[in-house]
Amino acid sequence: MIRHKSKLWKKAIFISIMAIFLVWTLLPIFIIVTNSFKMPLDISRNPPVFIFTPTLRHYMEALDVGNFGRYFINSVIISVSTTLISVICGSMAAYGLLIMKSKIGQTLSNFLLIGRMVPAITILIPFFSILFAMGLHMSHVGPIMAHSSVNLPFVTWLILGFMKGTPQEVLESSAIDGATRMQTFRVILIPMLTPAIASAFILSMQFSWNELLFSLQLTTMNFYTLPVGIARFVGALTVNWGRSSAAATITMVPIILVGFLMQKHLVSGLTAGAVKS
């Protein structure tokens, strides 16, 4: 009886903690979404109102005055390009480190995440200098290069951890059958790496989609992304809460949909990479 009560208490504590974390996570999203449909007077009311007449005014203003259509296209171009570069190059780099039997390869694989840990501000000025000298600072190239440089070490580390868990007999048997290393990579490893590639895809896109600093400083107004567009609604003295909430909601929806569609692969890929590395 005492043991049963102890289990019930542990279960109740666990559910309470999870409920607190759930509310902590979803409450800001709920506030942003509801504010995007409220009139300005309803947004500023204290205590907040939950029953109101919804309006699409802020969405129309964000899309019209805020040029969010152009920002959305820029975000798609930059995030998709960054993700493809990171996943393709990261997969090949991980395979190279896997088959490299020297101590140099093993040492490099242990220090892959250093590239992700470097503060973004420290590489901003060198990137800007290089892009300005090459005449590429007024294009999508700057954010794509910067995002790829940050994503690539993480993607390589993630996929390499998954590769190390694949049976070596499979690679050896393909070599015995006469397959080259690139044929083994394309035909054998790629199908086996689907969960890891899906995880790398969604995490790379999420970073690039939400990144602000590089997207603001390494290009011009015509190539700004959605996070930069949201920041433009924040003034020195006032904040347009309606437009910024509508803009934030527009920004959240695509990446949330991609996350839900690839959720199964994301979880299995992260788990496999963490356990098998």
Foldseek 3Di string as FASTA:
>chain_A
DVVVVVVVVVVVVVVVVVVVVVCVVCVVLVLLQVLLQADPVQNPDPPHDDDGHGDNVLVVCCVPVLVQVLQAVLLCVQLVLLLVLQLVVLLVLLLVLVPDPDVVSVVCLVCLQVQLVPDLVVCQVVLQVVCVVVVNLADSVQLSVSLNSNLNSVLNNLQNLLVLLDDVVLVVVCVVVPDDSVRCSVPPVPVVCVLSSLQSNLVSSVCSLQDDDRLPRRHDPSNHHLNVSLVVQDDPPDHPSNNSSSSVVVSPVPSVVSCVVSVVSNVVSNVSSVVRD
